């Protein structure tokens, strides 16, 4: 994903735009939802991060990384 490269360059706005486009074009794209969830977490938008990780779980119920990241983000959202 091009968004991943932008994320690594700390172009978070550009990364978000790319993830949004990828999800609009392919709503069941696990990687785009997961990456956007990581970005939302980085931006401290915990609710949207949790929503994206939950979508990942609905797409792949055996993804330990989606379950872990959702649980971790929920723990961050306790403050």
N, C-alpha and C. Protein backbone atom coordinates (compact mmCIF):
# COMPACT_ATOMS: atom_id res chain seq x y z
N UNK A 1 0.82 -1.20 0.00
CA UNK A 1 0.00 0.00 0.00
C UNK A 1 0.86 1.25 0.00
N UNK A 2 0.48 2.20 -0.79
CA UNK A 2 1.17 3.48 -0.81
C UNK A 2 1.03 4.20 0.52
N UNK A 3 -0.10 4.00 1.19
CA UNK A 3 -0.33 4.60 2.49
C UNK A 3 0.70 4.17 3.52
N UNK A 4 1.14 2.93 3.43
CA UNK A 4 2.15 2.42 4.36
C UNK A 4 3.45 3.21 4.23
N UNK A 5 3.85 3.51 2.99
CA UNK A 5 5.06 4.30 2.77
C UNK A 5 4.90 5.70 3.34
N UNK A 6 3.73 6.29 3.13
CA UNK A 6 3.48 7.63 3.67
C UNK A 6 3.48 7.60 5.20
N UNK A 7 2.92 6.55 5.79
CA UNK A 7 2.92 6.42 7.24
C UNK A 7 4.36 6.41 7.75
N UNK A 8 5.22 5.63 7.09
CA UNK A 8 6.62 5.54 7.50
C UNK A 8 7.36 6.87 7.35
N UNK A 9 6.90 7.70 6.44
CA UNK A 9 7.48 9.03 6.26
C UNK A 9 6.82 10.07 7.16
N UNK A 10 5.92 9.61 8.02
CA UNK A 10 5.15 10.45 8.95
C UNK A 10 4.21 11.43 8.24
N UNK A 11 3.83 11.07 7.01
CA UNK A 11 2.81 11.84 6.28
C UNK A 11 1.48 11.19 6.63
N UNK A 12 1.02 11.45 7.86
CA UNK A 12 -0.18 10.77 8.35
C UNK A 12 -1.43 11.17 7.59
N UNK A 13 -1.52 12.42 7.20
CA UNK A 13 -2.69 12.86 6.42
C UNK A 13 -2.74 12.15 5.07
N UNK A 14 -1.61 12.08 4.40
CA UNK A 14 -1.55 11.39 3.11
C UNK A 14 -1.83 9.91 3.25
N UNK A 15 -1.31 9.31 4.31
CA UNK A 15 -1.55 7.89 4.55
C UNK A 15 -3.04 7.63 4.77
N UNK A 16 -3.68 8.50 5.56
CA UNK A 16 -5.11 8.34 5.84
C UNK A 16 -5.91 8.43 4.53
N UNK A 17 -5.57 9.38 3.69
CA UNK A 17 -6.26 9.51 2.41
C UNK A 17 -6.12 8.24 1.58
N UNK A 18 -4.91 7.69 1.53
CA UNK A 18 -4.69 6.47 0.75
C UNK A 18 -5.44 5.28 1.32
N UNK A 19 -5.44 5.14 2.65
CA UNK A 19 -6.18 4.04 3.27
C UNK A 19 -7.67 4.18 3.01
N UNK A 20 -8.18 5.41 3.10
CA UNK A 20 -9.60 5.63 2.85
C UNK A 20 -9.98 5.26 1.42
N UNK A 21 -9.14 5.64 0.46
CA UNK A 21 -9.41 5.31 -0.94
C UNK A 21 -9.36 3.79 -1.14
N UNK A 22 -8.35 3.15 -0.56
CA UNK A 22 -8.24 1.69 -0.70
C UNK A 22 -9.48 1.00 -0.15
N UNK A 23 -9.97 1.47 1.00
CA UNK A 23 -11.17 0.86 1.61
C UNK A 23 -12.42 1.18 0.80
N UNK A 24 -12.48 2.37 0.23
CA UNK A 24 -13.63 2.71 -0.61
C UNK A 24 -13.66 1.80 -1.85
N UNK A 25 -12.50 1.54 -2.43
CA UNK A 25 -12.43 0.70 -3.63
C UNK A 25 -12.61 -0.78 -3.31
N UNK A 26 -12.15 -1.17 -2.13
CA UNK A 26 -12.19 -2.58 -1.73
C UNK A 26 -12.55 -2.65 -0.24
N UNK A 27 -13.85 -2.58 0.07
CA UNK A 27 -14.30 -2.49 1.47
C UNK A 27 -13.85 -3.64 2.37
N UNK A 28 -13.54 -4.78 1.79
CA UNK A 28 -13.13 -5.93 2.60
C UNK A 28 -11.61 -6.15 2.57
N UNK A 29 -10.87 -5.08 2.36
CA UNK A 29 -9.41 -5.15 2.32
C UNK A 29 -8.86 -5.16 3.75
N UNK A 30 -8.50 -6.33 4.22
CA UNK A 30 -8.00 -6.49 5.59
C UNK A 30 -6.82 -5.58 5.87
N UNK A 31 -5.84 -5.59 4.97
CA UNK A 31 -4.61 -4.82 5.19
C UNK A 31 -4.87 -3.33 5.30
N UNK A 32 -5.78 -2.82 4.48
CA UNK A 32 -6.09 -1.39 4.53
C UNK A 32 -6.77 -1.03 5.86
N UNK A 33 -7.70 -1.85 6.29
CA UNK A 33 -8.36 -1.60 7.59
C UNK A 33 -7.35 -1.71 8.73
N UNK A 34 -6.49 -2.71 8.66
CA UNK A 34 -5.51 -2.89 9.74
C UNK A 34 -4.55 -1.70 9.80
N UNK A 35 -4.04 -1.31 8.66
CA UNK A 35 -3.10 -0.19 8.61
C UNK A 35 -3.76 1.11 9.06
N UNK A 36 -5.00 1.31 8.65
CA UNK A 36 -5.71 2.51 9.07
C UNK A 36 -5.97 2.47 10.58
N UNK A 37 -6.25 1.29 11.10
CA UNK A 37 -6.42 1.14 12.54
C UNK A 37 -5.15 1.54 13.30
N UNK A 38 -4.01 1.11 12.79
CA UNK A 38 -2.73 1.49 13.40
C UNK A 38 -2.56 3.01 13.36
N UNK A 39 -2.91 3.61 12.23
CA UNK A 39 -2.79 5.06 12.10
C UNK A 39 -3.74 5.77 13.05
N UNK A 40 -4.99 5.32 13.13
CA UNK A 40 -5.93 5.92 14.08
C UNK A 40 -5.38 5.83 15.51
N UNK A 41 -4.80 4.67 15.83
CA UNK A 41 -4.22 4.51 17.17
C UNK A 41 -3.10 5.52 17.38
N UNK A 42 -2.24 5.67 16.40
CA UNK A 42 -1.12 6.63 16.47
C UNK A 42 -1.64 8.05 16.70
N UNK A 43 -2.78 8.37 16.07
CA UNK A 43 -3.38 9.69 16.19
C UNK A 43 -4.26 9.82 17.43
N UNK A 44 -4.29 8.77 18.24
CA UNK A 44 -5.09 8.72 19.47
C UNK A 44 -6.60 8.81 19.22
N UNK A 45 -7.01 8.37 18.02
CA UNK A 45 -8.43 8.25 17.70
C UNK A 45 -8.81 6.79 17.97
N UNK A 46 -8.92 6.48 19.26
CA UNK A 46 -9.06 5.09 19.67
C UNK A 46 -10.36 4.45 19.20
N UNK A 47 -11.43 5.21 19.19
CA UNK A 47 -12.72 4.64 18.76
C UNK A 47 -12.65 4.15 17.32
N UNK A 48 -12.12 4.96 16.43
CA UNK A 48 -12.02 4.54 15.03
C UNK A 48 -11.01 3.42 14.85
N UNK A 49 -9.95 3.43 15.64
CA UNK A 49 -8.98 2.33 15.59
C UNK A 49 -9.66 1.02 15.98
N UNK A 50 -10.40 1.05 17.06
CA UNK A 50 -11.11 -0.15 17.51
C UNK A 50 -12.09 -0.62 16.44
N UNK A 51 -12.78 0.30 15.80
CA UNK A 51 -13.72 -0.06 14.73
C UNK A 51 -13.00 -0.76 13.58
N UNK A 52 -11.83 -0.24 13.19
CA UNK A 52 -11.09 -0.88 12.10
C UNK A 52 -10.58 -2.26 12.50
N UNK A 53 -10.08 -2.40 13.72
CA UNK A 53 -9.61 -3.73 14.16
C UNK A 53 -10.78 -4.71 14.26
N UNK A 54 -11.95 -4.22 14.67
CA UNK A 54 -13.13 -5.07 14.71
C UNK A 54 -13.51 -5.52 13.30
N UNK A 55 -13.41 -4.62 12.34
CA UNK A 55 -13.67 -4.99 10.94
C UNK A 55 -12.68 -6.07 10.49
N UNK A 56 -11.42 -5.92 10.87
CA UNK A 56 -10.42 -6.93 10.52
C UNK A 56 -10.81 -8.29 11.08
N UNK A 57 -11.28 -8.31 12.32
CA UNK A 57 -11.69 -9.56 12.95
C UNK A 57 -12.87 -10.17 12.21
N UNK A 58 -13.79 -9.33 11.74
CA UNK A 58 -14.93 -9.86 10.99
C UNK A 58 -14.48 -10.44 9.64
N UNK A 59 -13.39 -9.90 9.10
CA UNK A 59 -12.87 -10.39 7.82
C UNK A 59 -12.01 -11.64 8.00
N UNK A 60 -11.33 -11.73 9.13
CA UNK A 60 -10.44 -12.86 9.40
C UNK A 60 -10.45 -13.14 10.90
N UNK A 61 -11.35 -13.99 11.32
CA UNK A 61 -11.54 -14.29 12.73
C UNK A 61 -10.38 -15.01 13.39
N UNK A 62 -9.39 -15.42 12.62
CA UNK A 62 -8.22 -16.09 13.20
C UNK A 62 -6.99 -15.19 13.24
N UNK A 63 -7.18 -13.90 12.98
CA UNK A 63 -6.05 -12.98 12.98
C UNK A 63 -5.70 -12.55 14.40
N UNK A 64 -4.64 -13.12 14.94
CA UNK A 64 -4.23 -12.78 16.30
C UNK A 64 -3.79 -11.32 16.38
N UNK A 65 -3.20 -10.79 15.30
CA UNK A 65 -2.74 -9.40 15.36
C UNK A 65 -3.93 -8.43 15.43
N UNK A 66 -5.04 -8.77 14.80
CA UNK A 66 -6.22 -7.90 14.88
C UNK A 66 -6.82 -7.94 16.29
N UNK A 67 -6.90 -9.14 16.88
CA UNK A 67 -7.41 -9.25 18.25
C UNK A 67 -6.48 -8.53 19.23
N UNK A 68 -5.17 -8.73 19.08
CA UNK A 68 -4.22 -8.09 19.98
C UNK A 68 -4.32 -6.57 19.89
N UNK A 69 -4.31 -6.04 18.66
CA UNK A 69 -4.34 -4.59 18.51
C UNK A 69 -5.64 -3.98 18.99
N UNK A 70 -6.74 -4.70 18.80
CA UNK A 70 -8.01 -4.18 19.32
C UNK A 70 -7.98 -4.14 20.85
N UNK A 71 -7.49 -5.20 21.47
CA UNK A 71 -7.41 -5.24 22.94
C UNK A 71 -6.45 -4.16 23.45
N UNK A 72 -5.31 -4.02 22.80
CA UNK A 72 -4.33 -3.02 23.21
C UNK A 72 -4.93 -1.61 23.10
N UNK A 73 -5.61 -1.34 21.99
CA UNK A 73 -6.21 -0.01 21.79
C UNK A 73 -7.30 0.23 22.82
N UNK A 74 -8.09 -0.80 23.13
CA UNK A 74 -9.10 -0.64 24.18
C UNK A 74 -8.45 -0.28 25.51
N UNK A 75 -7.29 -0.86 25.79
CA UNK A 75 -6.60 -0.54 27.05
C UNK A 75 -6.11 0.91 27.05
N UNK A 76 -5.70 1.42 25.91
CA UNK A 76 -5.28 2.82 25.80
C UNK A 76 -6.45 3.77 25.96
N UNK A 77 -7.62 3.31 25.60
CA UNK A 77 -8.83 4.14 25.61
C UNK A 77 -9.45 4.23 27.00
N UNK A 78 -8.84 3.62 27.99
CA UNK A 78 -9.38 3.64 29.35
C UNK A 78 -9.17 4.97 30.05
N UNK A 79 -8.24 5.77 29.55
CA UNK A 79 -7.92 7.05 30.21
C UNK A 79 -9.03 8.07 30.08
